[in-house]
Amino acid sequence: MKQVTIDDIEYEIIKDYKNGYNKDDFIKRYTDYFYDFDYVVGDWAYGKLRLKGFYDSKNKNCKEFNNFDNLDNYIKNNCAFDCSYFVAKRK
């Protein structure tokens, strides 16, 4: 599996749909905002990478809108149709 370390935080790329994962673009877009999230999802629309953080359902910070269990709904309702995307899981 692919792995990446950003700011001393290790991630494993657990899904790479339609070759959506690009290490350099992920690192460029990543900010300290994502430090606390259990997952970071990157999706492509109009040639731009968007990142969104999600929590594991057992995390005390988890809410309905950032619950990883709702990833499929997020992809379906908030991303371009059949877009390329990836899921990075914090190790």
PDB file of N, CA and C in Angstrom:
ATOM      1  N   MET A   1       0.833  -1.192   0.000  1.00  0.00           N
ATOM      2  CA  MET A   1       0.000   0.000   0.000  1.00  0.00           C
ATOM      3  C   MET A   1       0.873   1.250   0.000  1.00  0.00           C
ATOM      4  N   LYS A   2       0.365   2.319  -0.555  1.00  0.00           N
ATOM      5  CA  LYS A   2       1.097   3.578  -0.597  1.00  0.00           C
ATOM      6  C   LYS A   2       1.026   4.255   0.767  1.00  0.00           C
ATOM      7  N   GLN A   3       2.135   4.892   1.138  1.00  0.00           N
ATOM      8  CA  GLN A   3       2.196   5.621   2.393  1.00  0.00           C
ATOM      9  C   GLN A   3       2.844   6.966   2.149  1.00  0.00           C
ATOM     10  N   VAL A   4       2.481   7.926   2.999  1.00  0.00           N
ATOM     11  CA  VAL A   4       3.067   9.261   2.910  1.00  0.00           C
ATOM     12  C   VAL A   4       3.141   9.837   4.324  1.00  0.00           C
ATOM     13  N   THR A   5       4.192  10.588   4.582  1.00  0.00           N
ATOM     14  CA  THR A   5       4.337  11.293   5.856  1.00  0.00           C
ATOM     15  C   THR A   5       4.330  12.782   5.567  1.00  0.00           C
ATOM     16  N   ILE A   6       3.442  13.486   6.257  1.00  0.00           N
ATOM     17  CA  ILE A   6       3.343  14.937   6.117  1.00  0.00           C
ATOM     18  C   ILE A   6       3.390  15.536   7.518  1.00  0.00           C
ATOM     19  N   ASP A   7       4.324  16.437   7.757  1.00  0.00           N
ATOM     20  CA  ASP A   7       4.465  17.085   9.072  1.00  0.00           C
ATOM     21  C   ASP A   7       4.491  16.056  10.204  1.00  0.00           C
ATOM     22  N   ASP A   8       5.259  15.003  10.033  1.00  0.00           N
ATOM     23  CA  ASP A   8       5.422  13.928  11.015  1.00  0.00           C
ATOM     24  C   ASP A   8       4.162  13.100  11.268  1.00  0.00           C
ATOM     25  N   ILE A   9       3.164  13.226  10.425  1.00  0.00           N
ATOM     26  CA  ILE A   9       1.947  12.414  10.524  1.00  0.00           C
ATOM     27  C   ILE A   9       1.965  11.427   9.364  1.00  0.00           C
ATOM     28  N   GLU A  10       1.839  10.150   9.708  1.00  0.00           N
ATOM     29  CA  GLU A  10       1.875   9.103   8.691  1.00  0.00           C
ATOM     30  C   GLU A  10       0.466   8.752   8.229  1.00  0.00           C
ATOM     31  N   TYR A  11       0.323   8.605   6.921  1.00  0.00           N
ATOM     32  CA  TYR A  11      -0.940   8.200   6.312  1.00  0.00           C
ATOM     33  C   TYR A  11      -0.707   7.004   5.411  1.00  0.00           C
ATOM     34  N   GLU A  12      -1.724   6.170   5.351  1.00  0.00           N
ATOM     35  CA  GLU A  12      -1.752   5.073   4.396  1.00  0.00           C
ATOM     36  C   GLU A  12      -2.865   5.377   3.397  1.00  0.00           C
ATOM     37  N   ILE A  13      -2.585   5.269   2.129  1.00  0.00           N
ATOM     38  CA  ILE A  13      -3.602   5.493   1.098  1.00  0.00           C
ATOM     39  C   ILE A  13      -4.398   4.195   0.984  1.00  0.00           C
ATOM     40  N   ILE A  14      -5.620   4.220   1.510  1.00  0.00           N
ATOM     41  CA  ILE A  14      -6.424   2.997   1.558  1.00  0.00           C
ATOM     42  C   ILE A  14      -7.355   2.860   0.354  1.00  0.00           C
ATOM     43  N   LYS A  15      -7.532   3.945  -0.391  1.00  0.00           N
ATOM     44  CA  LYS A  15      -8.320   3.868  -1.621  1.00  0.00           C
ATOM     45  C   LYS A  15      -7.759   4.888  -2.603  1.00  0.00           C
ATOM     46  N   ASP A  16      -7.617   4.458  -3.833  1.00  0.00           N
ATOM     47  CA  ASP A  16      -7.118   5.324  -4.902  1.00  0.00           C
ATOM     48  C   ASP A  16      -8.000   5.075  -6.122  1.00  0.00           C
ATOM     49  N   TYR A  17      -9.123   5.783  -6.175  1.00  0.00           N
ATOM     50  CA  TYR A  17     -10.110   5.572  -7.230  1.00  0.00           C
ATOM     51  C   TYR A  17      -9.728   6.375  -8.476  1.00  0.00           C
ATOM     52  N   LYS A  18      -9.602   5.690  -9.583  1.00  0.00           N
ATOM     53  CA  LYS A  18      -9.268   6.287 -10.878  1.00  0.00           C
ATOM     54  C   LYS A  18      -7.978   7.109 -10.811  1.00  0.00           C
ATOM     55  N   ASN A  19      -6.983   6.570 -10.102  1.00  0.00           N
ATOM     56  CA  ASN A  19      -5.671   7.224  -9.972  1.00  0.00           C
ATOM     57  C   ASN A  19      -5.773   8.643  -9.429  1.00  0.00           C
ATOM     58  N   GLY A  20      -6.644   8.831  -8.434  1.00  0.00           N
ATOM     59  CA  GLY A  20      -6.830  10.156  -7.843  1.00  0.00           C
ATOM     60  C   GLY A  20      -5.697  10.601  -6.937  1.00  0.00           C
ATOM     61  N   TYR A  21      -4.895   9.656  -6.470  1.00  0.00           N
ATOM     62  CA  TYR A  21      -3.818  10.009  -5.542  1.00  0.00           C
ATOM     63  C   TYR A  21      -2.584  10.494  -6.285  1.00  0.00           C
ATOM     64  N   ASN A  22      -2.123  11.681  -5.891  1.00  0.00           N
ATOM     65  CA  ASN A  22      -0.866  12.226  -6.379  1.00  0.00           C
ATOM     66  C   ASN A  22      -0.150  12.793  -5.157  1.00  0.00           C
ATOM     67  N   LYS A  23       0.951  12.174  -4.779  1.00  0.00           N
ATOM     68  CA  LYS A  23       1.663  12.537  -3.555  1.00  0.00           C
ATOM     69  C   LYS A  23       2.022  14.019  -3.505  1.00  0.00           C
ATOM     70  N   ASP A  24       2.586  14.531  -4.574  1.00  0.00           N
ATOM     71  CA  ASP A  24       3.018  15.934  -4.580  1.00  0.00           C
ATOM     72  C   ASP A  24       1.844  16.892  -4.404  1.00  0.00           C
ATOM     73  N   ASP A  25       0.742  16.628  -5.087  1.00  0.00           N
ATOM     74  CA  ASP A  25      -0.431  17.494  -4.962  1.00  0.00           C
ATOM     75  C   ASP A  25      -1.037  17.410  -3.562  1.00  0.00           C
ATOM     76  N   PHE A  26      -1.069  16.215  -2.990  1.00  0.00           N
ATOM     77  CA  PHE A  26      -1.578  16.031  -1.633  1.00  0.00           C
ATOM     78  C   PHE A  26      -0.739  16.846  -0.647  1.00  0.00           C
ATOM     79  N   ILE A  27       0.562  16.747  -0.738  1.00  0.00           N
ATOM     80  CA  ILE A  27       1.447  17.472   0.168  1.00  0.00           C
ATOM     81  C   ILE A  27       1.272  18.987   0.003  1.00  0.00           C
ATOM     82  N   LYS A  28       1.138  19.460  -1.234  1.00  0.00           N
ATOM     83  CA  LYS A  28       0.974  20.900  -1.486  1.00  0.00           C
ATOM     84  C   LYS A  28      -0.320  21.444  -0.893  1.00  0.00           C
ATOM     85  N   ARG A  29      -1.402  20.664  -0.968  1.00  0.00           N
ATOM     86  CA  ARG A  29      -2.720  21.098  -0.509  1.00  0.00           C
ATOM     87  C   ARG A  29      -2.923  20.939   0.999  1.00  0.00           C
ATOM     88  N   TYR A  30      -2.189  20.037   1.586  1.00  0.00           N
ATOM     89  CA  TYR A  30      -2.347  19.696   3.005  1.00  0.00           C
ATOM     90  C   TYR A  30      -1.940  20.876   3.887  1.00  0.00           C
ATOM     91  N   THR A  31      -2.740  21.158   4.933  1.00  0.00           N
ATOM     92  CA  THR A  31      -2.408  22.189   5.918  1.00  0.00           C
ATOM     93  C   THR A  31      -2.591  21.627   7.325  1.00  0.00           C
ATOM     94  N   ASP A  32      -2.203  22.402   8.313  1.00  0.00           N
ATOM     95  CA  ASP A  32      -2.335  21.959   9.700  1.00  0.00           C
ATOM     96  C   ASP A  32      -3.800  21.757  10.115  1.00  0.00           C
ATOM     97  N   TYR A  33      -4.729  22.262   9.354  1.00  0.00           N
ATOM     98  CA  TYR A  33      -6.156  22.042   9.615  1.00  0.00           C
ATOM     99  C   TYR A  33      -6.482  20.546   9.705  1.00  0.00           C
ATOM    100  N   PHE A  34      -5.770  19.725   8.957  1.00  0.00           N
ATOM    101  CA  PHE A  34      -6.080  18.296   8.871  1.00  0.00           C
ATOM    102  C   PHE A  34      -5.397  17.450   9.946  1.00  0.00           C
ATOM    103  N   TYR A  35      -4.592  18.052  10.809  1.00  0.00           N
ATOM    104  CA  TYR A  35      -3.841  17.306  11.814  1.00  0.00           C
ATOM    105  C   TYR A  35      -4.710  16.376  12.661  1.00  0.00           C
ATOM    106  N   ASP A  36      -5.881  16.815  13.050  1.00  0.00           N
ATOM    107  CA  ASP A  36      -6.709  16.052  13.993  1.00  0.00           C
ATOM    108  C   ASP A  36      -7.578  14.982  13.360  1.00  0.00           C
ATOM    109  N   PHE A  37      -7.753  15.032  12.060  1.00  0.00           N
ATOM    110  CA  PHE A  37      -8.676  14.095  11.406  1.00  0.00           C
ATOM    111  C   PHE A  37      -8.068  12.700  11.277  1.00  0.00           C
ATOM    112  N   ASP A  38      -8.943  11.690  11.336  1.00  0.00           N
ATOM    113  CA  ASP A  38      -8.522  10.295  11.174  1.00  0.00           C
ATOM    114  C   ASP A  38      -8.321   9.943   9.700  1.00  0.00           C
ATOM    115  N   TYR A  39      -9.030  10.628   8.824  1.00  0.00           N
ATOM    116  CA  TYR A  39      -8.965  10.388   7.382  1.00  0.00           C
ATOM    117  C   TYR A  39      -8.930  11.729   6.655  1.00  0.00           C
ATOM    118  N   VAL A  40      -8.241  11.748   5.540  1.00  0.00           N
ATOM    119  CA  VAL A  40      -8.296  12.893   4.629  1.00  0.00           C
ATOM    120  C   VAL A  40      -8.668  12.334   3.261  1.00  0.00           C
ATOM    121  N   VAL A  41      -9.706  12.921   2.678  1.00  0.00           N
ATOM    122  CA  VAL A  41     -10.184  12.501   1.362  1.00  0.00           C
ATOM    123  C   VAL A  41      -9.861  13.613   0.374  1.00  0.00           C
ATOM    124  N   GLY A  42      -9.262  13.234  -0.737  1.00  0.00           N
ATOM    125  CA  GLY A  42      -8.962  14.191  -1.796  1.00  0.00           C
ATOM    126  C   GLY A  42      -9.730  13.827  -3.044  1.00  0.00           C
ATOM    127  N   ASP A  43     -10.458  14.803  -3.592  1.00  0.00           N
ATOM    128  CA  ASP A  43     -11.192  14.558  -4.836  1.00  0.00           C
ATOM    129  C   ASP A  43     -10.838  15.637  -5.849  1.00  0.00           C
ATOM    130  N   TRP A  44     -10.941  15.251  -7.116  1.00  0.00           N
ATOM    131  CA  TRP A  44     -10.564  16.138  -8.220  1.00  0.00           C
ATOM    132  C   TRP A  44     -11.793  16.641  -8.959  1.00  0.00           C
ATOM    133  N   ALA A  45     -11.826  17.957  -9.182  1.00  0.00           N
ATOM    134  CA  ALA A  45     -12.875  18.575  -9.991  1.00  0.00           C
ATOM    135  C   ALA A  45     -12.257  19.742 -10.743  1.00  0.00           C
ATOM    136  N   TYR A  46     -12.468  19.779 -12.024  1.00  0.00           N
ATOM    137  CA  TYR A  46     -11.960  20.870 -12.871  1.00  0.00           C
ATOM    138  C   TYR A  46     -10.455  21.054 -12.711  1.00  0.00           C
ATOM    139  N   GLY A  47      -9.747  19.927 -12.581  1.00  0.00           N
ATOM    140  CA  GLY A  47      -8.293  19.964 -12.493  1.00  0.00           C
ATOM    141  C   GLY A  47      -7.739  20.417 -11.156  1.00  0.00           C
ATOM    142  N   LYS A  48      -8.594  20.551 -10.136  1.00  0.00           N
ATOM    143  CA  LYS A  48      -8.139  20.994  -8.816  1.00  0.00           C
ATOM    144  C   LYS A  48      -8.433  19.937  -7.767  1.00  0.00           C
ATOM    145  N   LEU A  49      -7.490  19.767  -6.870  1.00  0.00           N
ATOM    146  CA  LEU A  49      -7.646  18.820  -5.771  1.00  0.00           C
ATOM    147  C   LEU A  49      -8.302  19.521  -4.588  1.00  0.00           C
ATOM    148  N   ARG A  50      -9.379  18.908  -4.073  1.00  0.00           N
ATOM    149  CA  ARG A  50     -10.025  19.387  -2.855  1.00  0.00           C
ATOM    150  C   ARG A  50      -9.780  18.356  -1.763  1.00  0.00           C
ATOM    151  N   LEU A  51      -9.548  18.814  -0.551  1.00  0.00           N
ATOM    152  CA  LEU A  51      -9.353  17.917   0.584  1.00  0.00           C
ATOM    153  C   LEU A  51     -10.461  18.130   1.604  1.00  0.00           C
ATOM    154  N   LYS A  52     -10.874  17.033   2.233  1.00  0.00           N
ATOM    155  CA  LYS A  52     -11.857  17.098   3.317  1.00  0.00           C
ATOM    156  C   LYS A  52     -11.442  16.099   4.385  1.00  0.00           C
ATOM    157  N   GLY A  53     -11.551  16.515   5.638  1.00  0.00           N
ATOM    158  CA  GLY A  53     -11.220  15.648   6.759  1.00  0.00           C
ATOM    159  C   GLY A  53     -12.442  14.913   7.286  1.00  0.00           C
ATOM    160  N   PHE A  54     -12.210  13.685   7.719  1.00  0.00           N
ATOM    161  CA  PHE A  54     -13.261  12.859   8.306  1.00  0.00           C
ATOM    162  C   PHE A  54     -12.733  12.221   9.582  1.00  0.00           C
ATOM    163  N   TYR A  55     -13.663  11.929  10.494  1.00  0.00           N
ATOM    164  CA  TYR A  55     -13.333  11.228  11.731  1.00  0.00           C
ATOM    165  C   TYR A  55     -13.903   9.818  11.709  1.00  0.00           C
ATOM    166  N   ASP A  56     -13.219   8.923  12.392  1.00  0.00           N
ATOM    167  CA  ASP A  56     -13.758   7.602  12.673  1.00  0.00           C
ATOM    168  C   ASP A  56     -15.001   7.798  13.543  1.00  0.00           C
ATOM    169  N   SER A  57     -15.994   6.951  13.378  1.00  0.00           N
ATOM    170  CA  SER A  57     -17.245   7.111  14.127  1.00  0.00           C
ATOM    171  C   SER A  57     -17.045   7.027  15.639  1.00  0.00           C
ATOM    172  N   LYS A  58     -15.947   6.440  16.101  1.00  0.00           N
ATOM    173  CA  LYS A  58     -15.679   6.328  17.546  1.00  0.00           C
ATOM    174  C   LYS A  58     -14.946   7.556  18.100  1.00  0.00           C
ATOM    175  N   ASN A  59     -14.518   8.449  17.226  1.00  0.00           N
ATOM    176  CA  ASN A  59     -13.799   9.652  17.659  1.00  0.00           C
ATOM    177  C   ASN A  59     -14.788  10.625  18.298  1.00  0.00           C
ATOM    178  N   LYS A  60     -14.413  11.210  19.435  1.00  0.00           N
ATOM    179  CA  LYS A  60     -15.319  12.123  20.152  1.00  0.00           C
ATOM    180  C   LYS A  60     -15.654  13.372  19.338  1.00  0.00           C
ATOM    181  N   ASN A  61     -14.842  13.723  18.358  1.00  0.00           N
ATOM    182  CA  ASN A  61     -15.088  14.895  17.521  1.00  0.00           C
ATOM    183  C   ASN A  61     -15.989  14.604  16.324  1.00  0.00           C
ATOM    184  N   CYS A  62     -16.383  13.362  16.171  1.00  0.00           N
ATOM    185  CA  CYS A  62     -17.168  12.952  15.006  1.00  0.00           C
ATOM    186  C   CYS A  62     -18.580  13.533  15.057  1.00  0.00           C
ATOM    187  N   LYS A  63     -18.965  14.132  13.943  1.00  0.00           N
ATOM    188  CA  LYS A  63     -20.326  14.632  13.737  1.00  0.00           C
ATOM    189  C   LYS A  63     -20.857  13.966  12.468  1.00  0.00           C
ATOM    190  N   GLU A  64     -22.120  14.136  12.215  1.00  0.00           N
ATOM    191  CA  GLU A  64     -22.736  13.502  11.041  1.00  0.00           C
ATOM    192  C   GLU A  64     -22.020  13.902   9.738  1.00  0.00           C
ATOM    193  N   PHE A  65     -21.674  15.187   9.591  1.00  0.00           N
ATOM    194  CA  PHE A  65     -21.106  15.686   8.332  1.00  0.00           C
ATOM    195  C   PHE A  65     -19.648  15.280   8.116  1.00  0.00           C
ATOM    196  N   ASN A  66     -18.950  14.864   9.197  1.00  0.00           N
ATOM    197  CA  ASN A  66     -17.551  14.455   9.027  1.00  0.00           C
ATOM    198  C   ASN A  66     -17.296  13.029   9.501  1.00  0.00           C
ATOM    199  N   ASN A  67     -18.350  12.223   9.528  1.00  0.00           N
ATOM    200  CA  ASN A  67     -18.265  10.819   9.914  1.00  0.00           C
ATOM    201  C   ASN A  67     -17.805  10.004   8.700  1.00  0.00           C
ATOM    202  N   PHE A  68     -16.710   9.287   8.862  1.00  0.00           N
ATOM    203  CA  PHE A  68     -16.174   8.504   7.750  1.00  0.00           C
ATOM    204  C   PHE A  68     -17.177   7.476   7.228  1.00  0.00           C
ATOM    205  N   ASP A  69     -18.077   7.026   8.080  1.00  0.00           N
ATOM    206  CA  ASP A  69     -19.105   6.072   7.643  1.00  0.00           C
ATOM    207  C   ASP A  69     -19.992   6.666   6.545  1.00  0.00           C
ATOM    208  N   ASN A  70     -20.010   7.993   6.428  1.00  0.00           N
ATOM    209  CA  ASN A  70     -20.839   8.673   5.425  1.00  0.00           C
ATOM    210  C   ASN A  70     -20.049   9.066   4.182  1.00  0.00           C
ATOM    211  N   LEU A  71     -18.880   8.474   3.991  1.00  0.00           N
ATOM    212  CA  LEU A  71     -18.033   8.836   2.850  1.00  0.00           C
ATOM    213  C   LEU A  71     -18.754   8.652   1.518  1.00  0.00           C
ATOM    214  N   ASP A  72     -19.449   7.549   1.339  1.00  0.00           N
ATOM    215  CA  ASP A  72     -20.137   7.305   0.062  1.00  0.00           C
ATOM    216  C   ASP A  72     -21.133   8.415  -0.249  1.00  0.00           C
ATOM    217  N   ASN A  73     -21.860   8.870   0.764  1.00  0.00           N
ATOM    218  CA  ASN A  73     -22.809   9.974   0.556  1.00  0.00           C
ATOM    219  C   ASN A  73     -22.073  11.255   0.172  1.00  0.00           C
ATOM    220  N   TYR A  74     -20.937  11.512   0.813  1.00  0.00           N
ATOM    221  CA  TYR A  74     -20.150  12.699   0.490  1.00  0.00           C
ATOM    222  C   TYR A  74     -19.696  12.647  -0.976  1.00  0.00           C
ATOM    223  N   ILE A  75     -19.158  11.511  -1.381  1.00  0.00           N
ATOM    224  CA  ILE A  75     -18.678  11.360  -2.764  1.00  0.00           C
ATOM    225  C   ILE A  75     -19.843  11.550  -3.744  1.00  0.00           C
ATOM    226  N   LYS A  76     -20.963  10.960  -3.435  1.00  0.00           N
ATOM    227  CA  LYS A  76     -22.122  11.024  -4.335  1.00  0.00           C
ATOM    228  C   LYS A  76     -22.723  12.429  -4.410  1.00  0.00           C
ATOM    229  N   ASN A  77     -22.816  13.113  -3.278  1.00  0.00           N
ATOM    230  CA  ASN A  77     -23.557  14.377  -3.216  1.00  0.00           C
ATOM    231  C   ASN A  77     -22.700  15.641  -3.280  1.00  0.00           C
ATOM    232  N   ASN A  78     -21.404  15.528  -3.016  1.00  0.00           N
ATOM    233  CA  ASN A  78     -20.574  16.727  -2.925  1.00  0.00           C
ATOM    234  C   ASN A  78     -19.389  16.755  -3.890  1.00  0.00           C
ATOM    235  N   CYS A  79     -19.243  15.721  -4.669  1.00  0.00           N
ATOM    236  CA  CYS A  79     -18.107  15.647  -5.591  1.00  0.00           C
ATOM    237  C   CYS A  79     -18.614  15.551  -7.025  1.00  0.00           C
ATOM    238  N   ALA A  80     -17.748  15.889  -7.961  1.00  0.00           N
ATOM    239  CA  ALA A  80     -18.098  15.770  -9.370  1.00  0.00           C
ATOM    240  C   ALA A  80     -18.416  14.304  -9.695  1.00  0.00           C
ATOM    241  N   PHE A  81     -19.348  14.095 -10.579  1.00  0.00           N
ATOM    242  CA  PHE A  81     -19.774  12.743 -10.941  1.00  0.00           C
ATOM    243  C   PHE A  81     -18.594  11.893 -11.394  1.00  0.00           C
ATOM    244  N   ASP A  82     -18.444  10.743 -10.768  1.00  0.00           N
ATOM    245  CA  ASP A  82     -17.412   9.756 -11.102  1.00  0.00           C
ATOM    246  C   ASP A  82     -15.991  10.347 -11.105  1.00  0.00           C
ATOM    247  N   CYS A  83     -15.761  11.273 -10.194  1.00  0.00           N
ATOM    248  CA  CYS A  83     -14.447  11.922 -10.124  1.00  0.00           C
ATOM    249  C   CYS A  83     -13.384  10.976  -9.577  1.00  0.00           C
ATOM    250  N   SER A  84     -12.158  11.328  -9.846  1.00  0.00           N
ATOM    251  CA  SER A  84     -11.027  10.614  -9.242  1.00  0.00           C
ATOM    252  C   SER A  84     -10.895  11.090  -7.805  1.00  0.00           C
ATOM    253  N   TYR A  85     -10.592  10.162  -6.901  1.00  0.00           N
ATOM    254  CA  TYR A  85     -10.395  10.554  -5.511  1.00  0.00           C
ATOM    255  C   TYR A  85      -9.521   9.528  -4.797  1.00  0.00           C
ATOM    256  N   PHE A  86      -9.077   9.916  -3.602  1.00  0.00           N
ATOM    257  CA  PHE A  86      -8.299   8.998  -2.769  1.00  0.00           C
ATOM    258  C   PHE A  86      -8.695   9.184  -1.308  1.00  0.00           C
ATOM    259  N   VAL A  87      -8.393   8.167  -0.519  1.00  0.00           N
ATOM    260  CA  VAL A  87      -8.640   8.210   0.915  1.00  0.00           C
ATOM    261  C   VAL A  87      -7.329   7.898   1.623  1.00  0.00           C
ATOM    262  N   ALA A  88      -6.899   8.824   2.483  1.00  0.00           N
ATOM    263  CA  ALA A  88      -5.693   8.644   3.284  1.00  0.00           C
ATOM    264  C   ALA A  88      -6.108   8.428   4.740  1.00  0.00           C
ATOM    265  N   LYS A  89      -5.648   7.329   5.320  1.00  0.00           N
ATOM    266  CA  LYS A  89      -5.971   6.998   6.714  1.00  0.00           C
ATOM    267  C   LYS A  89      -4.750   7.267   7.589  1.00  0.00           C
ATOM    268  N   ARG A  90      -4.984   8.010   8.652  1.00  0.00           N
ATOM    269  CA  ARG A  90      -3.911   8.308   9.599  1.00  0.00           C
ATOM    270  C   ARG A  90      -3.495   7.035  10.310  1.00  0.00           C
ATOM    271  N   LYS A  91      -2.186   6.838  10.433  1.00  0.00           N
ATOM    272  CA  LYS A  91      -1.682   5.613  11.088  1.00  0.00           C
ATOM    273  C   LYS A  91      -1.472   5.839  12.567  1.00  0.00           C
TER     274      LYS A  91
END
